[in-house]
C-alpha atoms as a PDB file:
ATOM      1  CA  UNK A   1      -2.436  29.776 -29.025  1.00  0.00           C
ATOM      2  CA  UNK A   2      -3.048  30.439 -25.332  1.00  0.00           C
ATOM      3  CA  UNK A   3      -0.656  28.769 -22.910  1.00  0.00           C
ATOM      4  CA  UNK A   4      -2.196  25.729 -21.222  1.00  0.00           C
ATOM      5  CA  UNK A   5      -2.979  26.432 -17.574  1.00  0.00           C
ATOM      6  CA  UNK A   6      -2.291  23.989 -14.785  1.00  0.00           C
ATOM      7  CA  UNK A   7      -3.039  23.833 -11.052  1.00  0.00           C
ATOM      8  CA  UNK A   8      -0.931  26.102  -8.863  1.00  0.00           C
ATOM      9  CA  UNK A   9      -0.185  26.396  -5.142  1.00  0.00           C
ATOM     10  CA  UNK A  10      -1.550  29.320  -3.133  1.00  0.00           C
ATOM     11  CA  UNK A  11       1.601  31.375  -3.747  1.00  0.00           C
ATOM     12  CA  UNK A  12       1.524  32.753  -0.216  1.00  0.00           C
ATOM     13  CA  UNK A  13       3.958  35.700  -0.131  1.00  0.00           C
ATOM     14  CA  UNK A  14       7.398  34.836   1.205  1.00  0.00           C
ATOM     15  CA  UNK A  15       8.332  36.555   4.479  1.00  0.00           C
ATOM     16  CA  UNK A  16      11.988  37.497   4.714  1.00  0.00           C
ATOM     17  CA  UNK A  17      11.760  38.973   8.217  1.00  0.00           C
ATOM     18  CA  UNK A  18      11.129  35.673  10.025  1.00  0.00           C
ATOM     19  CA  UNK A  19      13.431  32.826  11.028  1.00  0.00           C
ATOM     20  CA  UNK A  20      11.870  30.180   8.763  1.00  0.00           C
ATOM     21  CA  UNK A  21      14.106  29.489   5.727  1.00  0.00           C
ATOM     22  CA  UNK A  22      12.656  30.488   2.361  1.00  0.00           C
ATOM     23  CA  UNK A  23      12.460  26.916   1.078  1.00  0.00           C
ATOM     24  CA  UNK A  24      10.562  25.859   4.222  1.00  0.00           C
ATOM     25  CA  UNK A  25       7.963  28.577   3.592  1.00  0.00           C
ATOM     26  CA  UNK A  26       7.460  27.235   0.071  1.00  0.00           C
ATOM     27  CA  UNK A  27       7.117  23.720   1.502  1.00  0.00           C
ATOM     28  CA  UNK A  28       4.398  24.899   3.885  1.00  0.00           C
ATOM     29  CA  UNK A  29       2.552  26.637   1.056  1.00  0.00           C
ATOM     30  CA  UNK A  30       2.519  23.400  -0.942  1.00  0.00           C
ATOM     31  CA  UNK A  31       1.461  21.376   2.102  1.00  0.00           C
ATOM     32  CA  UNK A  32      -1.528  23.675   2.690  1.00  0.00           C
ATOM     33  CA  UNK A  33      -2.402  23.652  -1.018  1.00  0.00           C
ATOM     34  CA  UNK A  34      -2.415  19.838  -1.028  1.00  0.00           C
ATOM     35  CA  UNK A  35      -4.291  19.526   2.288  1.00  0.00           C
ATOM     36  CA  UNK A  36      -7.041  21.882   1.066  1.00  0.00           C
ATOM     37  CA  UNK A  37      -7.277  20.025  -2.268  1.00  0.00           C
ATOM     38  CA  UNK A  38      -6.196  23.044  -4.285  1.00  0.00           C
ATOM     39  CA  UNK A  39      -3.510  20.716  -5.588  1.00  0.00           C
ATOM     40  CA  UNK A  40      -4.973  17.252  -6.164  1.00  0.00           C
ATOM     41  CA  UNK A  41      -3.289  13.834  -6.555  1.00  0.00           C
ATOM     42  CA  UNK A  42      -1.868  13.527 -10.058  1.00  0.00           C
ATOM     43  CA  UNK A  43      -1.693  17.291 -10.694  1.00  0.00           C
ATOM     44  CA  UNK A  44       1.390  18.534 -12.543  1.00  0.00           C
ATOM     45  CA  UNK A  45       2.890  21.422 -10.573  1.00  0.00           C
ATOM     46  CA  UNK A  46       4.458  24.504 -12.221  1.00  0.00           C
ATOM     47  CA  UNK A  47       8.100  24.355 -13.288  1.00  0.00           C
ATOM     48  CA  UNK A  48      11.068  25.799 -11.405  1.00  0.00           C
ATOM     49  CA  UNK A  49      11.170  29.015 -13.436  1.00  0.00           C
ATOM     50  CA  UNK A  50       7.512  29.849 -12.816  1.00  0.00           C
ATOM     51  CA  UNK A  51       7.757  28.971  -9.131  1.00  0.00           C
ATOM     52  CA  UNK A  52      10.891  31.060  -8.622  1.00  0.00           C
ATOM     53  CA  UNK A  53       9.231  34.035 -10.346  1.00  0.00           C
ATOM     54  CA  UNK A  54       5.981  33.720  -8.391  1.00  0.00           C
ATOM     55  CA  UNK A  55       7.667  33.285  -5.008  1.00  0.00           C
ATOM     56  CA  UNK A  56      10.427  35.787  -5.760  1.00  0.00           C
ATOM     57  CA  UNK A  57      13.242  33.401  -4.855  1.00  0.00           C
ATOM     58  CA  UNK A  58      16.080  31.657  -6.656  1.00  0.00           C
ATOM     59  CA  UNK A  59      15.641  28.395  -8.535  1.00  0.00           C
ATOM     60  CA  UNK A  60      18.045  26.820  -6.034  1.00  0.00           C
ATOM     61  CA  UNK A  61      15.590  27.647  -3.236  1.00  0.00           C
ATOM     62  CA  UNK A  62      12.666  26.233  -5.229  1.00  0.00           C
ATOM     63  CA  UNK A  63      14.673  23.107  -6.009  1.00  0.00           C
ATOM     64  CA  UNK A  64      15.391  22.570  -2.301  1.00  0.00           C
ATOM     65  CA  UNK A  65      11.704  22.934  -1.409  1.00  0.00           C
ATOM     66  CA  UNK A  66      10.662  20.451  -4.102  1.00  0.00           C
ATOM     67  CA  UNK A  67      13.362  18.023  -2.963  1.00  0.00           C
ATOM     68  CA  UNK A  68      11.997  18.118   0.593  1.00  0.00           C
ATOM     69  CA  UNK A  69       8.405  17.646  -0.604  1.00  0.00           C
ATOM     70  CA  UNK A  70       9.449  14.621  -2.658  1.00  0.00           C
ATOM     71  CA  UNK A  71      11.276  13.171   0.359  1.00  0.00           C
ATOM     72  CA  UNK A  72       8.148  13.736   2.472  1.00  0.00           C
ATOM     73  CA  UNK A  73       6.040  11.750   0.012  1.00  0.00           C
ATOM     74  CA  UNK A  74       3.896  14.668  -1.166  1.00  0.00           C
ATOM     75  CA  UNK A  75       5.341  15.022  -4.676  1.00  0.00           C
ATOM     76  CA  UNK A  76       7.082  12.738  -7.147  1.00  0.00           C
ATOM     77  CA  UNK A  77       9.149  13.335 -10.280  1.00  0.00           C
ATOM     78  CA  UNK A  78       8.921  11.710 -13.702  1.00  0.00           C
ATOM     79  CA  UNK A  79      11.981  12.411 -15.832  1.00  0.00           C
ATOM     80  CA  UNK A  80      11.094  14.396 -18.915  1.00  0.00           C
ATOM     81  CA  UNK A  81       7.527  15.070 -17.751  1.00  0.00           C
ATOM     82  CA  UNK A  82       7.729  17.078 -14.540  1.00  0.00           C
ATOM     83  CA  UNK A  83       6.767  16.931 -10.876  1.00  0.00           C
ATOM     84  CA  UNK A  84       3.363  15.705  -9.725  1.00  0.00           C
ATOM     85  CA  UNK A  85       1.266  15.549  -6.563  1.00  0.00           C
ATOM     86  CA  UNK A  86       1.476  12.055  -5.096  1.00  0.00           C
ATOM     87  CA  UNK A  87      -1.551   9.991  -4.141  1.00  0.00           C
ATOM     88  CA  UNK A  88      -1.868   9.713  -0.346  1.00  0.00           C
ATOM     89  CA  UNK A  89      -0.366   6.505   0.972  1.00  0.00           C
ATOM     90  CA  UNK A  90      -2.413   3.647   2.352  1.00  0.00           C
ATOM     91  CA  UNK A  91      -1.613   3.370   6.061  1.00  0.00           C
ATOM     92  CA  UNK A  92      -2.431   0.189   7.908  1.00  0.00           C
ATOM     93  CA  UNK A  93      -1.982  -0.230  11.643  1.00  0.00           C
ATOM     94  CA  UNK A  94      -1.369  -3.772  12.878  1.00  0.00           C
ATOM     95  CA  UNK A  95      -2.258  -4.201  16.556  1.00  0.00           C
ATOM     96  CA  UNK A  96      -4.101  -7.483  15.870  1.00  0.00           C
ATOM     97  CA  UNK A  97      -5.603  -9.646  13.129  1.00  0.00           C
ATOM     98  CA  UNK A  98      -7.948  -7.487  11.072  1.00  0.00           C
ATOM     99  CA  UNK A  99      -9.558  -7.587   7.651  1.00  0.00           C
ATOM    100  CA  UNK A 100      -7.977  -5.329   5.039  1.00  0.00           C
ATOM    101  CA  UNK A 101     -11.343  -5.236   3.238  1.00  0.00           C
ATOM    102  CA  UNK A 102     -13.213  -3.788   6.215  1.00  0.00           C
ATOM    103  CA  UNK A 103     -10.331  -1.538   7.287  1.00  0.00           C
ATOM    104  CA  UNK A 104     -10.465   0.203   3.928  1.00  0.00           C
ATOM    105  CA  UNK A 105     -14.264   0.579   4.026  1.00  0.00           C
ATOM    106  CA  UNK A 106     -14.104   2.054   7.539  1.00  0.00           C
ATOM    107  CA  UNK A 107     -11.459   4.550   6.406  1.00  0.00           C
ATOM    108  CA  UNK A 108     -13.677   5.720   3.534  1.00  0.00           C
ATOM    109  CA  UNK A 109     -11.732   3.972   0.758  1.00  0.00           C
ATOM    110  CA  UNK A 110     -13.135   1.646  -1.921  1.00  0.00           C
ATOM    111  CA  UNK A 111     -11.544  -1.823  -1.858  1.00  0.00           C
ATOM    112  CA  UNK A 112     -11.983  -4.470  -4.519  1.00  0.00           C
ATOM    113  CA  UNK A 113      -9.993  -7.396  -5.869  1.00  0.00           C
ATOM    114  CA  UNK A 114      -9.331  -9.435  -8.993  1.00  0.00           C
ATOM    115  CA  UNK A 115      -9.404 -13.043  -7.810  1.00  0.00           C
ATOM    116  CA  UNK A 116      -8.404 -16.418  -9.225  1.00  0.00           C
ATOM    117  CA  UNK A 117      -8.842 -19.698  -7.317  1.00  0.00           C
ATOM    118  CA  UNK A 118      -7.495 -23.147  -8.110  1.00  0.00           C
ATOM    119  CA  UNK A 119      -7.040 -26.499  -6.399  1.00  0.00           C
ATOM    120  CA  UNK A 120      -3.644 -28.152  -6.719  1.00  0.00           C
ATOM    121  CA  UNK A 121      -1.521 -30.785  -5.063  1.00  0.00           C
ATOM    122  CA  UNK A 122       0.765 -29.269  -2.469  1.00  0.00           C
ATOM    123  CA  UNK A 123       4.440 -29.210  -3.382  1.00  0.00           C
ATOM    124  CA  UNK A 124       6.994 -30.487  -0.833  1.00  0.00           C
ATOM    125  CA  UNK A 125       7.710 -27.025   0.624  1.00  0.00           C
ATOM    126  CA  UNK A 126       4.016 -26.180   1.112  1.00  0.00           C
ATOM    127  CA  UNK A 127       3.414 -29.635   2.598  1.00  0.00           C
ATOM    128  CA  UNK A 128       6.211 -29.026   5.098  1.00  0.00           C
ATOM    129  CA  UNK A 129       4.998 -25.546   6.086  1.00  0.00           C
ATOM    130  CA  UNK A 130       1.351 -26.562   6.434  1.00  0.00           C
ATOM    131  CA  UNK A 131       2.182 -29.983   7.922  1.00  0.00           C
ATOM    132  CA  UNK A 132       0.212 -31.841   5.241  1.00  0.00           C
ATOM    133  CA  UNK A 133       0.153 -35.530   4.473  1.00  0.00           C
ATOM    134  CA  UNK A 134       1.671 -36.708   1.164  1.00  0.00           C
ATOM    135  CA  UNK A 135      -0.726 -36.117  -1.712  1.00  0.00           C
ATOM    136  CA  UNK A 136      -2.939 -33.597   0.134  1.00  0.00           C
ATOM    137  CA  UNK A 137      -4.378 -30.782  -1.939  1.00  0.00           C
ATOM    138  CA  UNK A 138      -4.543 -27.067  -1.232  1.00  0.00           C
ATOM    139  CA  UNK A 139      -6.613 -24.163  -2.488  1.00  0.00           C
ATOM    140  CA  UNK A 140      -4.509 -21.337  -3.943  1.00  0.00           C
ATOM    141  CA  UNK A 141      -6.172 -17.926  -4.045  1.00  0.00           C
ATOM    142  CA  UNK A 142      -4.441 -15.141  -5.973  1.00  0.00           C
ATOM    143  CA  UNK A 143      -5.776 -11.643  -5.379  1.00  0.00           C
ATOM    144  CA  UNK A 144      -4.756  -8.335  -6.870  1.00  0.00           C
ATOM    145  CA  UNK A 145      -6.177  -5.894  -4.350  1.00  0.00           C
ATOM    146  CA  UNK A 146      -7.192  -2.376  -5.313  1.00  0.00           C
ATOM    147  CA  UNK A 147      -7.918   0.697  -3.233  1.00  0.00           C
ATOM    148  CA  UNK A 148      -9.905   3.377  -5.059  1.00  0.00           C
ATOM    149  CA  UNK A 149      -9.245   1.468  -8.320  1.00  0.00           C
ATOM    150  CA  UNK A 150      -5.457   1.542  -7.868  1.00  0.00           C
ATOM    151  CA  UNK A 151      -3.562  -1.770  -7.456  1.00  0.00           C
ATOM    152  CA  UNK A 152      -1.874  -1.827  -4.046  1.00  0.00           C
ATOM    153  CA  UNK A 153      -1.297  -5.457  -2.987  1.00  0.00           C
ATOM    154  CA  UNK A 154      -0.716  -8.742  -4.788  1.00  0.00           C
ATOM    155  CA  UNK A 155      -1.547 -11.576  -2.430  1.00  0.00           C
ATOM    156  CA  UNK A 156      -1.342 -15.366  -2.669  1.00  0.00           C
ATOM    157  CA  UNK A 157      -3.191 -17.383  -0.006  1.00  0.00           C
ATOM    158  CA  UNK A 158      -2.667 -21.131   0.314  1.00  0.00           C
ATOM    159  CA  UNK A 159      -5.300 -22.962   2.386  1.00  0.00           C
ATOM    160  CA  UNK A 160      -5.745 -26.638   3.205  1.00  0.00           C
ATOM    161  CA  UNK A 161      -8.572 -27.841   0.967  1.00  0.00           C
ATOM    162  CA  UNK A 162      -9.841 -30.287   3.593  1.00  0.00           C
ATOM    163  CA  UNK A 163     -10.816 -27.340   5.811  1.00  0.00           C
ATOM    164  CA  UNK A 164     -12.928 -25.521   3.209  1.00  0.00           C
ATOM    165  CA  UNK A 165     -13.635 -27.795   0.210  1.00  0.00           C
ATOM    166  CA  UNK A 166     -16.267 -25.509  -1.383  1.00  0.00           C
ATOM    167  CA  UNK A 167     -14.188 -22.338  -1.201  1.00  0.00           C
ATOM    168  CA  UNK A 168     -13.528 -22.412  -4.952  1.00  0.00           C
ATOM    169  CA  UNK A 169     -17.197 -21.534  -5.536  1.00  0.00           C
ATOM    170  CA  UNK A 170     -17.101 -18.411  -3.343  1.00  0.00           C
ATOM    171  CA  UNK A 171     -16.957 -14.883  -4.786  1.00  0.00           C
ATOM    172  CA  UNK A 172     -14.013 -13.343  -2.940  1.00  0.00           C
ATOM    173  CA  UNK A 173     -13.741 -10.291  -5.189  1.00  0.00           C
ATOM    174  CA  UNK A 174     -16.130  -8.196  -3.096  1.00  0.00           C
ATOM    175  CA  UNK A 175     -16.083  -9.759   0.357  1.00  0.00           C
ATOM    176  CA  UNK A 176     -13.634 -10.416   3.140  1.00  0.00           C
ATOM    177  CA  UNK A 177     -11.680 -13.668   2.859  1.00  0.00           C
ATOM    178  CA  UNK A 178     -11.358 -13.800   6.648  1.00  0.00           C
ATOM    179  CA  UNK A 179     -15.114 -13.266   7.073  1.00  0.00           C
ATOM    180  CA  UNK A 180     -15.864 -16.102   4.624  1.00  0.00           C
ATOM    181  CA  UNK A 181     -13.626 -18.522   6.527  1.00  0.00           C
ATOM    182  CA  UNK A 182     -15.198 -17.642   9.862  1.00  0.00           C
ATOM    183  CA  UNK A 183     -18.877 -17.526   8.849  1.00  0.00           C
ATOM    184  CA  UNK A 184     -19.113 -20.373   6.337  1.00  0.00           C
ATOM    185  CA  UNK A 185     -16.424 -22.756   7.561  1.00  0.00           C
ATOM    186  CA  UNK A 186     -16.175 -21.833  11.252  1.00  0.00           C
ATOM    187  CA  UNK A 187     -12.441 -21.226  10.828  1.00  0.00           C
ATOM    188  CA  UNK A 188     -11.551 -18.401  13.173  1.00  0.00           C
ATOM    189  CA  UNK A 189      -8.090 -16.936  12.726  1.00  0.00           C
ATOM    190  CA  UNK A 190      -6.739 -16.365  16.217  1.00  0.00           C
ATOM    191  CA  UNK A 191      -3.008 -16.057  15.635  1.00  0.00           C
ATOM    192  CA  UNK A 192      -0.537 -15.355  12.889  1.00  0.00           C
ATOM    193  CA  UNK A 193       3.211 -15.578  12.555  1.00  0.00           C
ATOM    194  CA  UNK A 194       4.553 -12.950  10.212  1.00  0.00           C
ATOM    195  CA  UNK A 195       7.902 -12.109   8.636  1.00  0.00           C
ATOM    196  CA  UNK A 196       8.618  -8.958   6.637  1.00  0.00           C
ATOM    197  CA  UNK A 197      11.219  -8.407   3.939  1.00  0.00           C
ATOM    198  CA  UNK A 198      11.858  -5.767   1.291  1.00  0.00           C
ATOM    199  CA  UNK A 199      12.645  -6.809  -2.285  1.00  0.00           C
ATOM    200  CA  UNK A 200      13.126  -5.405  -5.759  1.00  0.00           C
ATOM    201  CA  UNK A 201      10.160  -6.514  -7.866  1.00  0.00           C
ATOM    202  CA  UNK A 202      10.523  -9.086 -10.593  1.00  0.00           C
ATOM    203  CA  UNK A 203       9.344  -8.067 -14.042  1.00  0.00           C
ATOM    204  CA  UNK A 204       6.156 -10.082 -13.490  1.00  0.00           C
ATOM    205  CA  UNK A 205       5.359  -8.453 -10.123  1.00  0.00           C
ATOM    206  CA  UNK A 206       6.100  -4.980 -11.503  1.00  0.00           C
ATOM    207  CA  UNK A 207       3.631  -5.591 -14.337  1.00  0.00           C
ATOM    208  CA  UNK A 208       0.965  -6.982 -11.991  1.00  0.00           C
ATOM    209  CA  UNK A 209       1.165  -3.997  -9.628  1.00  0.00           C
ATOM    210  CA  UNK A 210       1.775  -1.436 -12.366  1.00  0.00           C
ATOM    211  CA  UNK A 211       4.994  -0.032 -10.899  1.00  0.00           C
ATOM    212  CA  UNK A 212       8.500   0.602 -12.265  1.00  0.00           C
ATOM    213  CA  UNK A 213      11.054  -2.028 -11.301  1.00  0.00           C
ATOM    214  CA  UNK A 214      12.810   0.667  -9.250  1.00  0.00           C
ATOM    215  CA  UNK A 215       9.928   0.748  -6.725  1.00  0.00           C
ATOM    216  CA  UNK A 216      10.641  -1.617  -3.802  1.00  0.00           C
ATOM    217  CA  UNK A 217       8.019  -4.048  -2.545  1.00  0.00           C
ATOM    218  CA  UNK A 218       7.309  -4.948   1.060  1.00  0.00           C
ATOM    219  CA  UNK A 219       6.706  -8.702   1.321  1.00  0.00           C
ATOM    220  CA  UNK A 220       4.739 -10.060   4.276  1.00  0.00           C
ATOM    221  CA  UNK A 221       4.688 -13.837   4.735  1.00  0.00           C
ATOM    222  CA  UNK A 222       2.097 -15.059   7.217  1.00  0.00           C
ATOM    223  CA  UNK A 223       1.356 -18.421   8.783  1.00  0.00           C
ATOM    224  CA  UNK A 224      -2.313 -18.518   9.804  1.00  0.00           C
ATOM    225  CA  UNK A 225      -3.425 -20.400  12.920  1.00  0.00           C
ATOM    226  CA  UNK A 226      -6.878 -21.277  14.201  1.00  0.00           C
ATOM    227  CA  UNK A 227      -8.227 -22.363  17.579  1.00  0.00           C
ATOM    228  CA  UNK A 228      -5.867 -24.740  19.369  1.00  0.00           C
ATOM    229  CA  UNK A 229      -2.922 -23.821  17.154  1.00  0.00           C
ATOM    230  CA  UNK A 230      -4.274 -25.603  14.070  1.00  0.00           C
ATOM    231  CA  UNK A 231      -2.486 -24.483  10.904  1.00  0.00           C
ATOM    232  CA  UNK A 232      -5.107 -23.146   8.505  1.00  0.00           C
ATOM    233  CA  UNK A 233      -2.854 -21.858   5.767  1.00  0.00           C
ATOM    234  CA  UNK A 234      -0.357 -19.233   4.736  1.00  0.00           C
ATOM    235  CA  UNK A 235      -0.345 -15.950   2.861  1.00  0.00           C
ATOM    236  CA  UNK A 236       2.306 -14.041   0.936  1.00  0.00           C
ATOM    237  CA  UNK A 237       1.511 -10.410   0.235  1.00  0.00           C
ATOM    238  CA  UNK A 238       3.467  -7.982  -1.946  1.00  0.00           C
ATOM    239  CA  UNK A 239       2.789  -4.353  -0.998  1.00  0.00           C
ATOM    240  CA  UNK A 240       3.756  -1.385  -3.161  1.00  0.00           C
ATOM    241  CA  UNK A 241       6.488   0.460  -1.304  1.00  0.00           C
ATOM    242  CA  UNK A 242       5.466   3.816  -2.785  1.00  0.00           C
ATOM    243  CA  UNK A 243       1.835   3.588  -1.677  1.00  0.00           C
ATOM    244  CA  UNK A 244       1.741   1.617   1.536  1.00  0.00           C
ATOM    245  CA  UNK A 245       2.779   2.295   5.120  1.00  0.00           C
ATOM    246  CA  UNK A 246       2.893  -0.660   7.488  1.00  0.00           C
ATOM    247  CA  UNK A 247       2.660   0.526  11.088  1.00  0.00           C
ATOM    248  CA  UNK A 248       2.870  -1.601  14.226  1.00  0.00           C
ATOM    249  CA  UNK A 249       1.356  -0.341  17.487  1.00  0.00           C
ATOM    250  CA  UNK A 250       2.811  -1.960  20.581  1.00  0.00           C
ATOM    251  CA  UNK A 251       1.652  -1.623  24.191  1.00  0.00           C
ATOM    252  CA  UNK A 252       4.876  -0.996  26.103  1.00  0.00           C
ATOM    253  CA  UNK A 253       3.286  -2.032  29.405  1.00  0.00           C
ATOM    254  CA  UNK A 254       3.055  -5.584  28.062  1.00  0.00           C
ATOM    255  CA  UNK A 255       6.769  -5.821  27.346  1.00  0.00           C
ATOM    256  CA  UNK A 256       8.839  -7.602  29.971  1.00  0.00           C
ATOM    257  CA  UNK A 257      12.004  -6.039  31.264  1.00  0.00           C
END
């Protein structure tokens, strides 16, 4: 039976007469192979023996190159199965309040969401955070957000029902939540207060996002404010730490000495 073939890097010949270490040259060859789509996300790369033979270097050198590529987020290992090309991470820049839905569309990605909506009486902690009167109800929106059909974020929004009583009838699976609030209910989000933490996922969160419990989650908790400082609601988002980069851009000229 013929040996099963698999995708390979370019195997650019190693140059021993230049200053670049051998493992760095292998890294660059993989980087070019991934950037040109010769090696695609999810591809299983050749094993150490084949790579060392093709490049004409020791397995120690190959191992160092693979280690660096894993650290750089280009490859990942699965014990007993091999080393694979990693999906590119989702990078989101946060200079202001923007819609994740439209950010992904503008970047050429395909966003969608599984959504559940329910009305419930606010518990004491939610009542305190949202400054509600005793007995007030809230709308709880749970969304599992996908990018290119891969689950990336699990988000729970809690909104005062009195501000948008018909929200439960809206289809939020294929439209922006922020857009719906602004257009239908005239609720413009003008400010948010956000805190970020990193946690180990619970068994439930790991199952929802489809990740091992060893993958950390970035948790963003937001208080949402409208015109005049009115509290509209809050959101708690769990981002996959292996697939999401959260970047903040800050104008240094605005910082006071």
